[in-house]
Each structure stands twice: as C-alpha cells, then as structure tokens.
C-alpha cells in the first residue's frame, strides 16, 4: 500500500492521467460524487468552497461513483453535463471509479485505510469527503450528509495554519 497521497494518479473525466503530486502543497478535499443522488446539490456548496478558497490553496477533486443505488449510471458526457452545466463545477472531476470492494480505486483504498469511518474501511454513501493537508497527509473524513458549508470552519483553520 502506498504511504503518500502524492504517489497516486487518476484519469480525469475525459481520460487524461493526472499525478496527485500535481497538487503538492495544496489542501485537498477528495469527494466521491453522483449525479442522481439526494445529496447531488452538494455540488453547489463544494463549488462555493472551491471558488472562495482556491486562491488560498484549496483544491477539490471529484470522483463519480456508481456503487450506491445506481446513482451515477451515466457516461462521461452525462456526468460532465450534470457537473459543469447544471452545477457550474470548475474543480477537477475524474473518471468514474469504485470506492469500495476489490476494484476500489487505489486513492480510495488508501484514504479508507488512513481514515476509517463508522463502517470501518467502507464508504457508506456518495459525497463522503476526505481532507488532505498540504503535506499530503489525510487529516479528516466527513460523512456524506456533512454539507460543504459545515466543512468551511475546519478548512479555514487548516488553510490559516498553512499560510502562517
């Protein structure tokens, strides 16, 4: 198992490989997303956080996942329409991944191992969020129902600490 977030890579929504070391020195919020979920409106809150704090070093990485009640059944085109057109998302979106099970993306295997939740290493639902500090260390896991606005206070603390 890799021991550093920066050692991983993932394909974007349109197939371009991105090494996570691209985000070295940034505070990262990794989120497993879905287009047809009751929590999908969180895209608006995530985008608001991103716009507000991207100049202070925040990056949000969205990973669509279809493992929960078939809530991300679409292809890249329909996913991008939901994210970019319906919600105005400007943060990086990646290709659809599994977050649980044998075929879980290595990033999610790593994050679950580092920050187990109520269900141990399982991810319970869409919009589970993992916060990674600017050193690449996973520091906090947020439940799917935790609204992005509720993360802001925590985020401010981390971003201020890192800019001091």
C-alpha atoms as a PDB file:
ATOM      1  CA  UNK A   1       0.000   0.000   0.000  1.00  0.00           C
ATOM      2  CA  UNK A   2       1.326   3.425  -0.967  1.00  0.00           C
ATOM      3  CA  UNK A   3       2.036   5.593   2.040  1.00  0.00           C
ATOM      4  CA  UNK A   4       1.666   9.004   0.463  1.00  0.00           C
ATOM      5  CA  UNK A   5      -1.249  10.580  -1.385  1.00  0.00           C
ATOM      6  CA  UNK A   6       1.136  12.119  -3.917  1.00  0.00           C
ATOM      7  CA  UNK A   7       2.208   8.690  -5.176  1.00  0.00           C
ATOM      8  CA  UNK A   8      -1.195   8.066  -6.785  1.00  0.00           C
ATOM      9  CA  UNK A   9      -2.642   9.056 -10.121  1.00  0.00           C
ATOM     10  CA  UNK A  10      -6.114   9.028 -11.654  1.00  0.00           C
ATOM     11  CA  UNK A  11      -7.740   9.664 -15.019  1.00  0.00           C
ATOM     12  CA  UNK A  12      -9.812  12.810 -15.459  1.00  0.00           C
ATOM     13  CA  UNK A  13     -13.388  12.658 -16.650  1.00  0.00           C
ATOM     14  CA  UNK A  14     -12.038  12.844 -20.200  1.00  0.00           C
ATOM     15  CA  UNK A  15      -9.266  10.266 -19.794  1.00  0.00           C
ATOM     16  CA  UNK A  16      -6.180  12.397 -19.112  1.00  0.00           C
ATOM     17  CA  UNK A  17      -3.904  10.861 -16.472  1.00  0.00           C
ATOM     18  CA  UNK A  18      -3.127  13.196 -13.571  1.00  0.00           C
ATOM     19  CA  UNK A  19      -0.495  12.507 -10.933  1.00  0.00           C
ATOM     20  CA  UNK A  20      -1.633  13.609  -7.490  1.00  0.00           C
ATOM     21  CA  UNK A  21       1.765  15.248  -6.949  1.00  0.00           C
ATOM     22  CA  UNK A  22       0.326  17.929  -9.272  1.00  0.00           C
ATOM     23  CA  UNK A  23      -1.494  19.090  -6.120  1.00  0.00           C
ATOM     24  CA  UNK A  24       1.565  19.080  -3.834  1.00  0.00           C
ATOM     25  CA  UNK A  25       1.407  21.942  -1.351  1.00  0.00           C
ATOM     26  CA  UNK A  26      -2.369  22.292  -1.685  1.00  0.00           C
ATOM     27  CA  UNK A  27      -5.086  21.399   0.790  1.00  0.00           C
ATOM     28  CA  UNK A  28      -7.173  18.743  -0.978  1.00  0.00           C
ATOM     29  CA  UNK A  29     -10.764  17.669  -0.487  1.00  0.00           C
ATOM     30  CA  UNK A  30     -11.474  14.339  -2.211  1.00  0.00           C
ATOM     31  CA  UNK A  31     -15.183  13.598  -2.715  1.00  0.00           C
ATOM     32  CA  UNK A  32     -16.954  10.610  -4.248  1.00  0.00           C
ATOM     33  CA  UNK A  33     -19.835  12.112  -6.204  1.00  0.00           C
ATOM     34  CA  UNK A  34     -23.024  11.080  -8.018  1.00  0.00           C
ATOM     35  CA  UNK A  35     -25.379  12.877 -10.385  1.00  0.00           C
ATOM     36  CA  UNK A  36     -28.672  11.308  -9.305  1.00  0.00           C
ATOM     37  CA  UNK A  37     -28.326  11.333  -5.538  1.00  0.00           C
ATOM     38  CA  UNK A  38     -30.335  13.247  -2.964  1.00  0.00           C
ATOM     39  CA  UNK A  39     -27.008  14.798  -1.969  1.00  0.00           C
ATOM     40  CA  UNK A  40     -26.115  15.905  -5.522  1.00  0.00           C
ATOM     41  CA  UNK A  41     -26.977  19.556  -4.694  1.00  0.00           C
ATOM     42  CA  UNK A  42     -23.795  19.482  -2.553  1.00  0.00           C
ATOM     43  CA  UNK A  43     -22.010  20.228  -5.837  1.00  0.00           C
ATOM     44  CA  UNK A  44     -23.160  23.852  -5.341  1.00  0.00           C
ATOM     45  CA  UNK A  45     -21.647  24.023  -1.855  1.00  0.00           C
ATOM     46  CA  UNK A  46     -18.446  22.331  -2.965  1.00  0.00           C
ATOM     47  CA  UNK A  47     -18.102  24.767  -5.855  1.00  0.00           C
ATOM     48  CA  UNK A  48     -18.701  27.715  -3.496  1.00  0.00           C
ATOM     49  CA  UNK A  49     -15.933  26.441  -1.169  1.00  0.00           C
ATOM     50  CA  UNK A  50     -13.618  25.923  -4.115  1.00  0.00           C
ATOM     51  CA  UNK A  51     -14.194  29.425  -5.500  1.00  0.00           C
ATOM     52  CA  UNK A  52     -13.750  31.005  -2.080  1.00  0.00           C
ATOM     53  CA  UNK A  53     -10.558  29.166  -1.095  1.00  0.00           C
ATOM     54  CA  UNK A  54      -8.786  28.055  -4.280  1.00  0.00           C
ATOM     55  CA  UNK A  55      -6.525  31.118  -4.143  1.00  0.00           C
ATOM     56  CA  UNK A  56      -5.609  30.129  -0.574  1.00  0.00           C
ATOM     57  CA  UNK A  57      -4.517  26.666  -1.714  1.00  0.00           C
ATOM     58  CA  UNK A  58      -7.670  24.525  -1.721  1.00  0.00           C
ATOM     59  CA  UNK A  59      -8.381  22.045  -4.481  1.00  0.00           C
ATOM     60  CA  UNK A  60     -11.432  19.780  -4.614  1.00  0.00           C
ATOM     61  CA  UNK A  61     -11.203  16.512  -6.532  1.00  0.00           C
ATOM     62  CA  UNK A  62     -14.478  14.891  -7.547  1.00  0.00           C
ATOM     63  CA  UNK A  63     -14.664  11.167  -8.256  1.00  0.00           C
ATOM     64  CA  UNK A  64     -18.018   9.970  -9.649  1.00  0.00           C
ATOM     65  CA  UNK A  65     -19.064   6.571  -8.326  1.00  0.00           C
ATOM     66  CA  UNK A  66     -21.957   4.281  -9.266  1.00  0.00           C
ATOM     67  CA  UNK A  67     -21.707   1.874  -6.311  1.00  0.00           C
ATOM     68  CA  UNK A  68     -24.595   3.330  -4.329  1.00  0.00           C
ATOM     69  CA  UNK A  69     -28.120   2.650  -5.634  1.00  0.00           C
ATOM     70  CA  UNK A  70     -27.055   3.160  -9.269  1.00  0.00           C
ATOM     71  CA  UNK A  71     -26.946   6.940  -8.741  1.00  0.00           C
ATOM     72  CA  UNK A  72     -24.191   7.586 -11.297  1.00  0.00           C
ATOM     73  CA  UNK A  73     -25.298   5.407 -14.222  1.00  0.00           C
ATOM     74  CA  UNK A  74     -24.172   7.790 -16.972  1.00  0.00           C
ATOM     75  CA  UNK A  75     -21.085   8.070 -19.118  1.00  0.00           C
ATOM     76  CA  UNK A  76     -18.520  10.857 -19.045  1.00  0.00           C
ATOM     77  CA  UNK A  77     -20.716  13.100 -21.201  1.00  0.00           C
ATOM     78  CA  UNK A  78     -23.772  12.885 -18.928  1.00  0.00           C
ATOM     79  CA  UNK A  79     -21.610  13.235 -15.800  1.00  0.00           C
ATOM     80  CA  UNK A  80     -19.955  16.345 -17.218  1.00  0.00           C
ATOM     81  CA  UNK A  81     -23.367  17.811 -18.126  1.00  0.00           C
ATOM     82  CA  UNK A  82     -24.522  17.385 -14.527  1.00  0.00           C
ATOM     83  CA  UNK A  83     -21.323  18.810 -13.036  1.00  0.00           C
ATOM     84  CA  UNK A  84     -20.431  21.567 -15.433  1.00  0.00           C
ATOM     85  CA  UNK A  85     -23.772  22.614 -16.897  1.00  0.00           C
ATOM     86  CA  UNK A  86     -26.247  22.032 -14.049  1.00  0.00           C
ATOM     87  CA  UNK A  87     -23.970  22.928 -11.120  1.00  0.00           C
ATOM     88  CA  UNK A  88     -21.243  25.097 -12.674  1.00  0.00           C
ATOM     89  CA  UNK A  89     -18.453  22.949 -11.253  1.00  0.00           C
ATOM     90  CA  UNK A  90     -14.966  24.252 -12.046  1.00  0.00           C
ATOM     91  CA  UNK A  91     -12.922  21.972  -9.766  1.00  0.00           C
ATOM     92  CA  UNK A  92     -11.254  18.871 -11.272  1.00  0.00           C
ATOM     93  CA  UNK A  93     -13.545  15.911 -11.975  1.00  0.00           C
ATOM     94  CA  UNK A  94     -12.174  12.436 -12.531  1.00  0.00           C
ATOM     95  CA  UNK A  95     -13.367   9.326 -14.330  1.00  0.00           C
ATOM     96  CA  UNK A  96     -15.963   7.146 -12.632  1.00  0.00           C
ATOM     97  CA  UNK A  97     -14.392   4.849 -10.012  1.00  0.00           C
ATOM     98  CA  UNK A  98     -15.323   2.234  -7.442  1.00  0.00           C
ATOM     99  CA  UNK A  99     -14.674   3.339  -3.866  1.00  0.00           C
ATOM    100  CA  UNK A 100     -15.441   0.033  -2.127  1.00  0.00           C
ATOM    101  CA  UNK A 101     -14.603  -3.579  -2.849  1.00  0.00           C
ATOM    102  CA  UNK A 102     -11.887  -5.370  -4.722  1.00  0.00           C
ATOM    103  CA  UNK A 103     -11.872  -2.909  -7.628  1.00  0.00           C
ATOM    104  CA  UNK A 104     -11.816   0.237  -5.485  1.00  0.00           C
ATOM    105  CA  UNK A 105      -9.538   2.923  -6.890  1.00  0.00           C
ATOM    106  CA  UNK A 106      -6.163   2.925  -5.073  1.00  0.00           C
ATOM    107  CA  UNK A 107      -6.750   6.502  -3.859  1.00  0.00           C
ATOM    108  CA  UNK A 108      -9.878   5.388  -2.015  1.00  0.00           C
ATOM    109  CA  UNK A 109      -8.223   2.227  -0.662  1.00  0.00           C
ATOM    110  CA  UNK A 110      -5.502   4.481   0.749  1.00  0.00           C
ATOM    111  CA  UNK A 111      -7.876   7.109   2.173  1.00  0.00           C
ATOM    112  CA  UNK A 112     -10.128   4.495   3.817  1.00  0.00           C
ATOM    113  CA  UNK A 113      -7.073   2.822   5.325  1.00  0.00           C
ATOM    114  CA  UNK A 114      -5.806   6.151   6.695  1.00  0.00           C
ATOM    115  CA  UNK A 115      -9.172   7.464   7.885  1.00  0.00           C
ATOM    116  CA  UNK A 116     -11.563   4.642   8.707  1.00  0.00           C
ATOM    117  CA  UNK A 117     -15.150   5.740   9.278  1.00  0.00           C
ATOM    118  CA  UNK A 118     -18.107   4.403  11.243  1.00  0.00           C
ATOM    119  CA  UNK A 119     -18.224   1.473   8.828  1.00  0.00           C
ATOM    120  CA  UNK A 120     -14.504   0.767   9.203  1.00  0.00           C
ATOM    121  CA  UNK A 121     -12.847   0.962   5.853  1.00  0.00           C
ATOM    122  CA  UNK A 122     -16.106   1.035   3.890  1.00  0.00           C
ATOM    123  CA  UNK A 123     -17.524   4.182   2.352  1.00  0.00           C
ATOM    124  CA  UNK A 124     -21.182   4.426   3.319  1.00  0.00           C
ATOM    125  CA  UNK A 125     -22.571   6.580   0.515  1.00  0.00           C
ATOM    126  CA  UNK A 126     -21.952   9.229  -2.146  1.00  0.00           C
ATOM    127  CA  UNK A 127     -20.391  12.529  -1.090  1.00  0.00           C
ATOM    128  CA  UNK A 128     -18.085  11.092   1.567  1.00  0.00           C
ATOM    129  CA  UNK A 129     -15.303  13.675   1.850  1.00  0.00           C
ATOM    130  CA  UNK A 130     -11.634  13.274   2.762  1.00  0.00           C
ATOM    131  CA  UNK A 131      -9.494  16.268   3.691  1.00  0.00           C
ATOM    132  CA  UNK A 132      -5.770  16.065   2.965  1.00  0.00           C
ATOM    133  CA  UNK A 133      -3.377  18.712   4.246  1.00  0.00           C
ATOM    134  CA  UNK A 134      -0.714  20.462   2.170  1.00  0.00           C
ATOM    135  CA  UNK A 135       1.839  17.810   3.186  1.00  0.00           C
ATOM    136  CA  UNK A 136      -0.299  15.079   1.587  1.00  0.00           C
ATOM    137  CA  UNK A 137      -1.491  13.689   4.923  1.00  0.00           C
ATOM    138  CA  UNK A 138      -5.168  12.690   5.227  1.00  0.00           C
ATOM    139  CA  UNK A 139      -6.434  14.557   8.287  1.00  0.00           C
ATOM    140  CA  UNK A 140     -10.238  14.342   8.405  1.00  0.00           C
ATOM    141  CA  UNK A 141     -13.114  12.350   6.978  1.00  0.00           C
ATOM    142  CA  UNK A 142     -16.581  13.841   6.641  1.00  0.00           C
ATOM    143  CA  UNK A 143     -19.848  11.919   6.349  1.00  0.00           C
ATOM    144  CA  UNK A 144     -21.918  12.116   3.148  1.00  0.00           C
ATOM    145  CA  UNK A 145     -24.533  14.230   4.918  1.00  0.00           C
ATOM    146  CA  UNK A 146     -21.959  16.770   6.134  1.00  0.00           C
ATOM    147  CA  UNK A 147     -22.703  19.792   3.987  1.00  0.00           C
ATOM    148  CA  UNK A 148     -19.747  21.595   2.412  1.00  0.00           C
ATOM    149  CA  UNK A 149     -20.701  24.731   4.394  1.00  0.00           C
ATOM    150  CA  UNK A 150     -20.121  22.769   7.620  1.00  0.00           C
ATOM    151  CA  UNK A 151     -16.581  21.927   6.479  1.00  0.00           C
ATOM    152  CA  UNK A 152     -15.684  25.583   5.959  1.00  0.00           C
ATOM    153  CA  UNK A 153     -14.812  26.295   9.604  1.00  0.00           C
ATOM    154  CA  UNK A 154     -12.448  23.308   9.676  1.00  0.00           C
ATOM    155  CA  UNK A 155     -10.993  24.298   6.328  1.00  0.00           C
ATOM    156  CA  UNK A 156     -10.332  27.872   7.446  1.00  0.00           C
ATOM    157  CA  UNK A 157      -8.329  26.551  10.402  1.00  0.00           C
ATOM    158  CA  UNK A 158      -6.161  24.354   8.189  1.00  0.00           C
ATOM    159  CA  UNK A 159      -5.639  26.971   5.473  1.00  0.00           C
ATOM    160  CA  UNK A 160      -4.760  29.658   8.014  1.00  0.00           C
ATOM    161  CA  UNK A 161      -2.329  27.318   9.781  1.00  0.00           C
ATOM    162  CA  UNK A 162      -0.613  26.563   6.487  1.00  0.00           C
ATOM    163  CA  UNK A 163      -0.295  30.194   5.412  1.00  0.00           C
ATOM    164  CA  UNK A 164       1.151  31.398   8.726  1.00  0.00           C
END
